[in-house]
């Protein structure tokens, strides 16, 4: 599954530096001027998972394959982007294609890093981006209202859809994002084709100075206060430090570097886990001597859907799934041992896969 989280923010807040740190397959140019990033950079990011390594210690496979998500570095938005300022239409279109938003906000002072919005103000910066996304969504909703009003004259079935669109329009006009509007399943279907920007889940990154990387500062505190009703998370990190850690090839060097900065883990690991959770993703595992591998699925997927991420034929020809709970596999040490004590279950098409399940699929095509 090519699920994407897009990194957004004003120019020079540290987006591309974060992308360079988080991506293990692509490097974005990080420079101190507007629109350094024009075409979005895309990188595949391994999802850190200690369970994968523990399974590998027991199975001793030829290779270990983590699951991944895609991170997209989208160019810095500016005030007026919704009206095309700063190549805004192109950049907003890039955001429309991602599944979730990682909003990077500057929470540090540095006279050497350009800033066009005056004094450092993370709440104002957040509101600038929010406003531009809301205005673009309002434009999309108003256009569909015009279309739906014409359809309603010919077919009364469009009445509910029009009511939903008007509800969204009024909400956006109040300066509120669609994700904060409590829409039911039918209402969500009515606007699904619009891929509204403010309907996407969001995760905030407070890019702080080095002394504040563990505690945060007055800027990150203000950001936390501003988003406390959004049910969103704020990850505090120093993007430059994270980029330095990511550039190191030696695990020993990384460990020594983190010890110097009193870090128990890279903040990037927390960011990736949070992005994964934001997308409502689960991981299941396959474990054999050839490979131990993690696979990404959506929360609530049934066994045949989960099988499809390995190969579509697995879903088409699905017969049964052999399932071992992760904790049971670790406790008994192998598939054979789990089978002997009755911890290997045979599940059918209606089985909802749990996070951490170790699975083997029986299929026939």
Protein backbone atom coordinates (compact mmCIF):
# COMPACT_ATOMS: atom_id res chain seq x y z
CA UNK A 1 0.00 0.00 0.00
CA UNK A 2 1.51 3.31 -1.07
CA UNK A 3 0.18 5.40 1.82
CA UNK A 4 1.62 8.90 1.92
CA UNK A 5 2.16 11.54 4.58
CA UNK A 6 2.98 14.98 3.20
CA UNK A 7 5.30 17.43 4.97
CA UNK A 8 3.92 20.98 4.74
CA UNK A 9 4.63 24.38 6.28
CA UNK A 10 5.75 27.91 5.52
CA UNK A 11 9.10 28.44 3.74
CA UNK A 12 12.27 27.92 5.82
CA UNK A 13 10.69 26.11 8.75
CA UNK A 14 12.78 22.95 8.30
CA UNK A 15 10.58 20.79 6.07
CA UNK A 16 13.29 19.59 3.70
CA UNK A 17 15.74 19.09 6.56
CA UNK A 18 13.14 16.86 8.21
CA UNK A 19 12.55 15.02 4.95
CA UNK A 20 16.29 14.38 4.55
CA UNK A 21 16.39 12.99 8.04
CA UNK A 22 13.32 10.81 7.79
CA UNK A 23 13.79 9.42 4.29
CA UNK A 24 16.13 6.51 3.71
CA UNK A 25 15.77 6.50 -0.07
CA UNK A 26 15.86 10.12 -1.22
CA UNK A 27 17.57 13.35 -0.27
CA UNK A 28 15.87 16.72 -0.69
CA UNK A 29 17.75 19.95 -1.25
CA UNK A 30 17.64 22.12 1.88
CA UNK A 31 18.41 25.77 1.22
CA UNK A 32 17.70 29.14 2.78
CA UNK A 33 15.39 30.62 0.16
CA UNK A 34 11.75 30.42 -0.90
CA UNK A 35 10.53 27.62 -3.15
CA UNK A 36 13.73 25.60 -2.86
CA UNK A 37 11.38 22.61 -3.21
CA UNK A 38 9.17 22.93 -6.30
CA UNK A 39 8.42 19.37 -7.36
CA UNK A 40 7.62 17.22 -4.33
CA UNK A 41 10.34 14.83 -3.19
CA UNK A 42 9.10 11.36 -2.28
CA UNK A 43 10.95 8.97 0.00
CA UNK A 44 10.18 5.51 1.35
CA UNK A 45 10.59 5.36 5.11
CA UNK A 46 11.12 2.22 7.17
CA UNK A 47 8.74 1.97 10.12
CA UNK A 48 10.84 1.07 13.21
CA UNK A 49 9.35 -1.96 14.96
CA UNK A 50 11.13 -3.81 17.77
CA UNK A 51 8.76 -6.76 17.28
CA UNK A 52 10.26 -7.44 13.84
CA UNK A 53 13.74 -7.81 15.33
CA UNK A 54 12.51 -10.05 18.15
CA UNK A 55 10.83 -12.38 15.66
CA UNK A 56 14.03 -12.44 13.59
CA UNK A 57 16.07 -13.43 16.65
CA UNK A 58 13.88 -16.52 17.00
CA UNK A 59 13.47 -17.47 13.33
CA UNK A 60 16.99 -16.45 12.14
CA UNK A 61 15.87 -15.63 8.57
CA UNK A 62 18.01 -14.84 5.53
CA UNK A 63 16.67 -11.30 5.57
CA UNK A 64 14.52 -8.89 7.57
CA UNK A 65 12.10 -6.61 5.70
CA UNK A 66 10.41 -3.75 7.59
CA UNK A 67 7.19 -2.19 6.41
CA UNK A 68 7.30 1.32 4.94
CA UNK A 69 5.28 4.45 4.38
CA UNK A 70 5.90 7.21 1.85
CA UNK A 71 6.88 10.69 3.00
CA UNK A 72 6.36 13.56 0.54
CA UNK A 73 8.25 16.85 0.91
CA UNK A 74 5.88 19.52 -0.41
CA UNK A 75 7.11 23.03 -1.16
CA UNK A 76 6.62 25.81 1.37
CA UNK A 77 3.19 27.42 1.19
CA UNK A 78 2.79 31.19 1.52
CA UNK A 79 -0.03 33.56 2.34
CA UNK A 80 -2.28 33.70 -0.74
CA UNK A 81 -1.48 30.14 -1.90
CA UNK A 82 -5.19 29.42 -2.32
CA UNK A 83 -5.28 32.18 -4.96
CA UNK A 84 -2.15 30.90 -6.71
CA UNK A 85 0.51 32.91 -4.87
CA UNK A 86 3.94 31.25 -4.83
CA UNK A 87 2.88 28.44 -7.18
CA UNK A 88 0.16 27.78 -4.61
CA UNK A 89 -2.22 25.87 -6.89
CA UNK A 90 0.48 23.34 -7.73
CA UNK A 91 1.51 22.90 -4.10
CA UNK A 92 -2.06 22.58 -2.84
CA UNK A 93 -2.63 19.96 -5.51
CA UNK A 94 0.32 18.02 -4.12
CA UNK A 95 -1.26 18.07 -0.67
CA UNK A 96 -4.55 16.78 -2.10
CA UNK A 97 -2.80 13.57 -3.14
CA UNK A 98 -1.47 12.58 0.31
CA UNK A 99 -3.32 10.65 3.01
CA UNK A 100 -2.14 12.65 6.03
CA UNK A 101 -0.32 15.91 6.75
CA UNK A 102 2.84 16.46 8.80
CA UNK A 103 2.78 20.20 9.53
CA UNK A 104 6.24 21.54 10.41
CA UNK A 105 6.22 24.78 12.40
CA UNK A 106 9.20 26.93 13.26
CA UNK A 107 9.70 27.20 17.02
CA UNK A 108 13.21 28.65 17.14
CA UNK A 109 14.88 32.02 16.71
CA UNK A 110 17.80 32.36 14.28
CA UNK A 111 18.57 35.58 12.46
CA UNK A 112 20.50 33.60 9.82
CA UNK A 113 17.37 31.74 8.67
CA UNK A 114 15.13 33.92 6.52
CA UNK A 115 11.59 34.66 7.65
CA UNK A 116 9.04 36.84 5.88
CA UNK A 117 6.30 36.81 8.52
CA UNK A 118 8.07 38.98 11.14
CA UNK A 119 8.66 37.79 14.71
CA UNK A 120 8.52 34.06 15.44
CA UNK A 121 4.87 33.15 16.00
CA UNK A 122 4.01 29.44 15.63
CA UNK A 123 0.29 30.01 16.22
CA UNK A 124 0.11 32.60 13.45
CA UNK A 125 2.16 30.36 11.15
CA UNK A 126 -0.24 27.49 11.77
CA UNK A 127 -3.22 29.74 11.08
CA UNK A 128 -1.74 30.95 7.77
CA UNK A 129 -1.51 27.37 6.50
CA UNK A 130 -4.93 26.47 7.93
CA UNK A 131 -6.53 29.49 6.24
CA UNK A 132 -5.04 28.71 2.83
CA UNK A 133 -6.21 25.09 3.01
CA UNK A 134 -9.66 26.16 4.20
CA UNK A 135 -10.02 28.71 1.40
CA UNK A 136 -9.07 26.11 -1.19
CA UNK A 137 -11.57 23.66 0.28
CA UNK A 138 -14.25 26.36 0.32
CA UNK A 139 -13.68 26.92 -3.38
CA UNK A 140 -14.01 23.17 -4.05
CA UNK A 141 -17.18 22.88 -1.97
CA UNK A 142 -18.83 25.92 -3.59
CA UNK A 143 -18.18 24.54 -7.07
CA UNK A 144 -19.76 21.22 -6.14
CA UNK A 145 -22.74 22.99 -4.57
CA UNK A 146 -23.44 24.66 -7.92
CA UNK A 147 -23.25 21.31 -9.69
CA UNK A 148 -25.39 19.51 -7.09
CA UNK A 149 -28.09 22.20 -7.15
CA UNK A 150 -28.52 21.57 -10.87
CA UNK A 151 -28.66 17.80 -10.31
CA UNK A 152 -31.25 18.23 -7.53
CA UNK A 153 -33.66 19.89 -9.98
CA UNK A 154 -33.65 16.65 -11.97
CA UNK A 155 -33.37 14.09 -9.15
CA UNK A 156 -34.42 14.52 -5.47
CA UNK A 157 -31.82 11.97 -4.33
CA UNK A 158 -29.23 14.77 -4.32
CA UNK A 159 -30.96 16.61 -1.46
CA UNK A 160 -28.90 14.96 1.31
CA UNK A 161 -25.66 15.55 -0.60
CA UNK A 162 -26.49 19.24 -1.01
CA UNK A 163 -27.25 19.55 2.71
CA UNK A 164 -23.86 18.04 3.55
CA UNK A 165 -22.08 20.42 1.19
CA UNK A 166 -23.85 23.44 2.69
CA UNK A 167 -22.90 22.19 6.16
CA UNK A 168 -19.25 22.00 5.08
CA UNK A 169 -19.42 25.44 3.45
CA UNK A 170 -20.75 27.09 6.60
CA UNK A 171 -18.10 25.34 8.71
CA UNK A 172 -15.26 26.48 6.45
CA UNK A 173 -16.60 30.04 6.37
CA UNK A 174 -16.16 30.10 10.15
CA UNK A 175 -12.44 29.41 9.69
CA UNK A 176 -12.70 25.79 10.80
CA UNK A 177 -11.25 22.67 9.20
CA UNK A 178 -13.44 19.82 7.94
CA UNK A 179 -11.64 17.30 10.15
CA UNK A 180 -13.22 19.10 13.13
CA UNK A 181 -16.71 18.65 11.67
CA UNK A 182 -18.44 15.55 13.01
CA UNK A 183 -19.63 14.00 9.75
CA UNK A 184 -21.30 10.59 9.67
CA UNK A 185 -20.48 7.87 7.17
CA UNK A 186 -23.02 8.99 4.57
CA UNK A 187 -21.91 12.61 4.81
CA UNK A 188 -18.28 11.62 4.35
CA UNK A 189 -19.24 9.73 1.19
CA UNK A 190 -20.90 12.87 -0.16
CA UNK A 191 -17.61 14.81 -0.10
CA UNK A 192 -15.18 11.92 -0.67
CA UNK A 193 -14.57 12.84 -4.32
CA UNK A 194 -13.36 16.32 -3.30
CA UNK A 195 -10.38 14.98 -1.29
CA UNK A 196 -10.68 18.05 0.91
CA UNK A 197 -7.37 19.30 2.27
CA UNK A 198 -8.65 20.13 5.74
CA UNK A 199 -10.29 16.72 6.09
CA UNK A 200 -6.90 15.00 6.21
CA UNK A 201 -5.53 14.00 9.62
CA UNK A 202 -2.65 16.19 10.79
CA UNK A 203 0.44 15.76 12.97
CA UNK A 204 2.42 18.81 14.10
CA UNK A 205 6.21 18.97 14.32
CA UNK A 206 7.61 21.77 16.49
CA UNK A 207 11.10 22.40 15.12
CA UNK A 208 12.87 23.82 18.18
CA UNK A 209 16.41 25.00 18.93
CA UNK A 210 18.96 22.56 20.33
CA UNK A 211 18.61 23.59 24.02
CA UNK A 212 14.83 22.99 23.80
CA UNK A 213 14.87 19.58 22.12
CA UNK A 214 13.96 17.72 25.34
CA UNK A 215 11.80 20.27 27.10
CA UNK A 216 10.25 22.39 24.38
CA UNK A 217 10.11 26.18 24.70
CA UNK A 218 7.66 29.07 24.82
CA UNK A 219 6.98 28.69 21.09
CA UNK A 220 6.18 24.98 21.22
CA UNK A 221 4.11 25.54 24.38
CA UNK A 222 2.05 28.14 22.51
CA UNK A 223 1.53 25.70 19.64
CA UNK A 224 0.37 22.95 22.02
CA UNK A 225 -2.11 25.33 23.60
CA UNK A 226 -3.43 26.37 20.19
CA UNK A 227 -4.15 22.81 19.04
CA UNK A 228 -5.34 21.28 22.32
CA UNK A 229 -8.90 20.91 21.01
CA UNK A 230 -7.83 19.30 17.71
CA UNK A 231 -7.05 15.84 19.11
CA UNK A 232 -3.71 16.15 17.31
CA UNK A 233 -0.20 15.37 18.50
CA UNK A 234 2.81 17.68 18.64
CA UNK A 235 6.25 16.10 18.17
CA UNK A 236 9.06 18.28 19.53
CA UNK A 237 12.40 17.87 17.79
CA UNK A 238 15.46 19.64 16.47
CA UNK A 239 15.44 18.82 12.77
CA UNK A 240 19.17 19.49 12.31
CA UNK A 241 20.12 17.05 15.08
CA UNK A 242 17.80 14.42 13.60
CA UNK A 243 19.36 14.92 10.16
CA UNK A 244 22.85 14.38 11.61
CA UNK A 245 21.75 11.12 13.26
CA UNK A 246 20.14 9.89 10.04
CA UNK A 247 23.34 10.51 8.06
CA UNK A 248 25.38 8.16 10.26
CA UNK A 249 25.88 4.65 8.89
CA UNK A 250 27.31 3.12 12.06
CA UNK A 251 24.83 2.06 14.76
CA UNK A 252 27.61 2.58 17.31
CA UNK A 253 28.21 6.15 16.12
CA UNK A 254 24.49 6.87 16.31
CA UNK A 255 24.33 5.53 19.86
CA UNK A 256 27.32 7.60 20.99
CA UNK A 257 25.87 10.70 19.34
CA UNK A 258 22.49 10.21 21.03
CA UNK A 259 24.14 9.61 24.40
CA UNK A 260 25.96 12.91 23.99
CA UNK A 261 22.60 14.63 23.54
CA UNK A 262 20.92 12.51 26.24
CA UNK A 263 18.57 10.87 23.74
CA UNK A 264 17.14 7.38 24.24
CA UNK A 265 15.88 7.19 20.64
CA UNK A 266 15.72 9.48 17.61
CA UNK A 267 12.71 11.77 17.69
CA UNK A 268 12.21 10.60 14.11
CA UNK A 269 11.18 7.18 15.39
CA UNK A 270 8.40 8.81 17.39
CA UNK A 271 7.41 10.84 14.35
CA UNK A 272 7.21 7.80 12.08
CA UNK A 273 5.22 5.81 14.65
CA UNK A 274 2.85 8.75 15.12
CA UNK A 275 2.38 9.13 11.36
CA UNK A 276 1.67 5.41 11.09
CA UNK A 277 -0.89 5.66 13.89
CA UNK A 278 -2.38 8.80 12.33
CA UNK A 279 -3.18 6.80 9.20
CA UNK A 280 -4.91 4.10 11.29
CA UNK A 281 -2.44 1.47 10.16
CA UNK A 282 -1.70 -1.96 11.62
CA UNK A 283 1.23 -4.30 11.06
CA UNK A 284 1.13 -8.05 10.69
CA UNK A 285 4.11 -10.33 10.16
CA UNK A 286 5.13 -13.29 8.08
CA UNK A 287 7.96 -15.31 9.58
CA UNK A 288 9.99 -17.99 7.78
CA UNK A 289 13.61 -18.95 7.21
CA UNK A 290 13.75 -16.96 3.96
CA UNK A 291 12.52 -13.75 5.52
CA UNK A 292 10.77 -12.19 8.47
CA UNK A 293 8.67 -9.37 7.10
CA UNK A 294 6.26 -6.68 8.30
CA UNK A 295 3.19 -5.83 6.22
CA UNK A 296 0.99 -2.73 6.44
CA UNK A 297 -2.79 -2.92 6.54
CA UNK A 298 -5.63 -0.65 7.65
CA UNK A 299 -7.15 -1.16 11.08
CA UNK A 300 -10.23 -3.36 10.74
CA UNK A 301 -9.14 -5.27 7.63
CA UNK A 302 -10.23 -8.89 7.31
CA UNK A 303 -7.85 -11.73 6.51
CA UNK A 304 -8.39 -11.79 2.70
CA UNK A 305 -7.72 -8.04 2.48
CA UNK A 306 -4.59 -8.46 4.55
CA UNK A 307 -3.46 -11.25 2.24
CA UNK A 308 -3.85 -8.97 -0.78
CA UNK A 309 -0.90 -6.77 0.25
CA UNK A 310 1.36 -9.76 -0.36
CA UNK A 311 -0.26 -10.56 -3.71
CA UNK A 312 -3.71 -10.01 -5.17
CA UNK A 313 -3.91 -13.74 -5.93
CA UNK A 314 -3.79 -14.41 -2.17
CA UNK A 315 -7.06 -12.53 -1.76
CA UNK A 316 -8.73 -14.00 -4.85
CA UNK A 317 -7.90 -17.56 -3.87
CA UNK A 318 -8.06 -17.16 -0.10
CA UNK A 319 -8.93 -20.36 1.76
CA UNK A 320 -7.76 -19.95 5.36
CA UNK A 321 -5.22 -18.05 7.43
CA UNK A 322 -2.93 -19.63 10.01
CA UNK A 323 -2.60 -17.07 12.82
CA UNK A 324 -0.35 -16.87 15.85
CA UNK A 325 -0.55 -13.93 18.24
CA UNK A 326 2.75 -12.04 18.53
CA UNK A 327 3.02 -12.56 22.30
CA UNK A 328 2.40 -16.30 21.90
CA UNK A 329 5.09 -16.58 19.21
CA UNK A 330 7.61 -14.83 21.47
CA UNK A 331 6.62 -16.92 24.49
CA UNK A 332 6.88 -20.31 22.78
CA UNK A 333 9.69 -19.42 20.39
CA UNK A 334 8.55 -20.92 17.08
CA UNK A 335 5.61 -21.77 14.85
CA UNK A 336 6.04 -25.48 15.61
CA UNK A 337 5.95 -24.90 19.35
CA UNK A 338 2.85 -22.73 19.06
CA UNK A 339 1.18 -25.41 16.99
CA UNK A 340 1.95 -28.04 19.64
CA UNK A 341 0.36 -26.05 22.47
CA UNK A 342 -2.66 -25.01 20.43
CA UNK A 343 -1.67 -21.38 19.95
CA UNK A 344 -1.87 -21.54 16.15
CA UNK A 345 -5.41 -20.77 15.02
CA UNK A 346 -7.10 -21.40 11.70
CA UNK A 347 -9.17 -18.38 10.72
CA UNK A 348 -11.57 -17.78 7.83
CA UNK A 349 -12.63 -14.87 5.63
CA UNK A 350 -14.35 -12.93 8.40
CA UNK A 351 -11.35 -12.82 10.73
CA UNK A 352 -10.32 -9.24 11.55
CA UNK A 353 -6.54 -9.09 11.67
CA UNK A 354 -4.99 -7.79 14.88
CA UNK A 355 -1.90 -5.62 15.10
CA UNK A 356 1.10 -7.90 15.51
CA UNK A 357 -0.48 -11.13 14.21
CA UNK A 358 1.99 -13.60 12.71
CA UNK A 359 0.23 -15.07 9.68
CA UNK A 360 0.49 -17.64 6.94
CA UNK A 361 -2.12 -17.78 4.17
CA UNK A 362 -3.56 -20.82 2.44
CA UNK A 363 -4.85 -19.98 -1.03
CA UNK A 364 -5.66 -21.60 -4.34
CA UNK A 365 -5.78 -19.84 -7.70
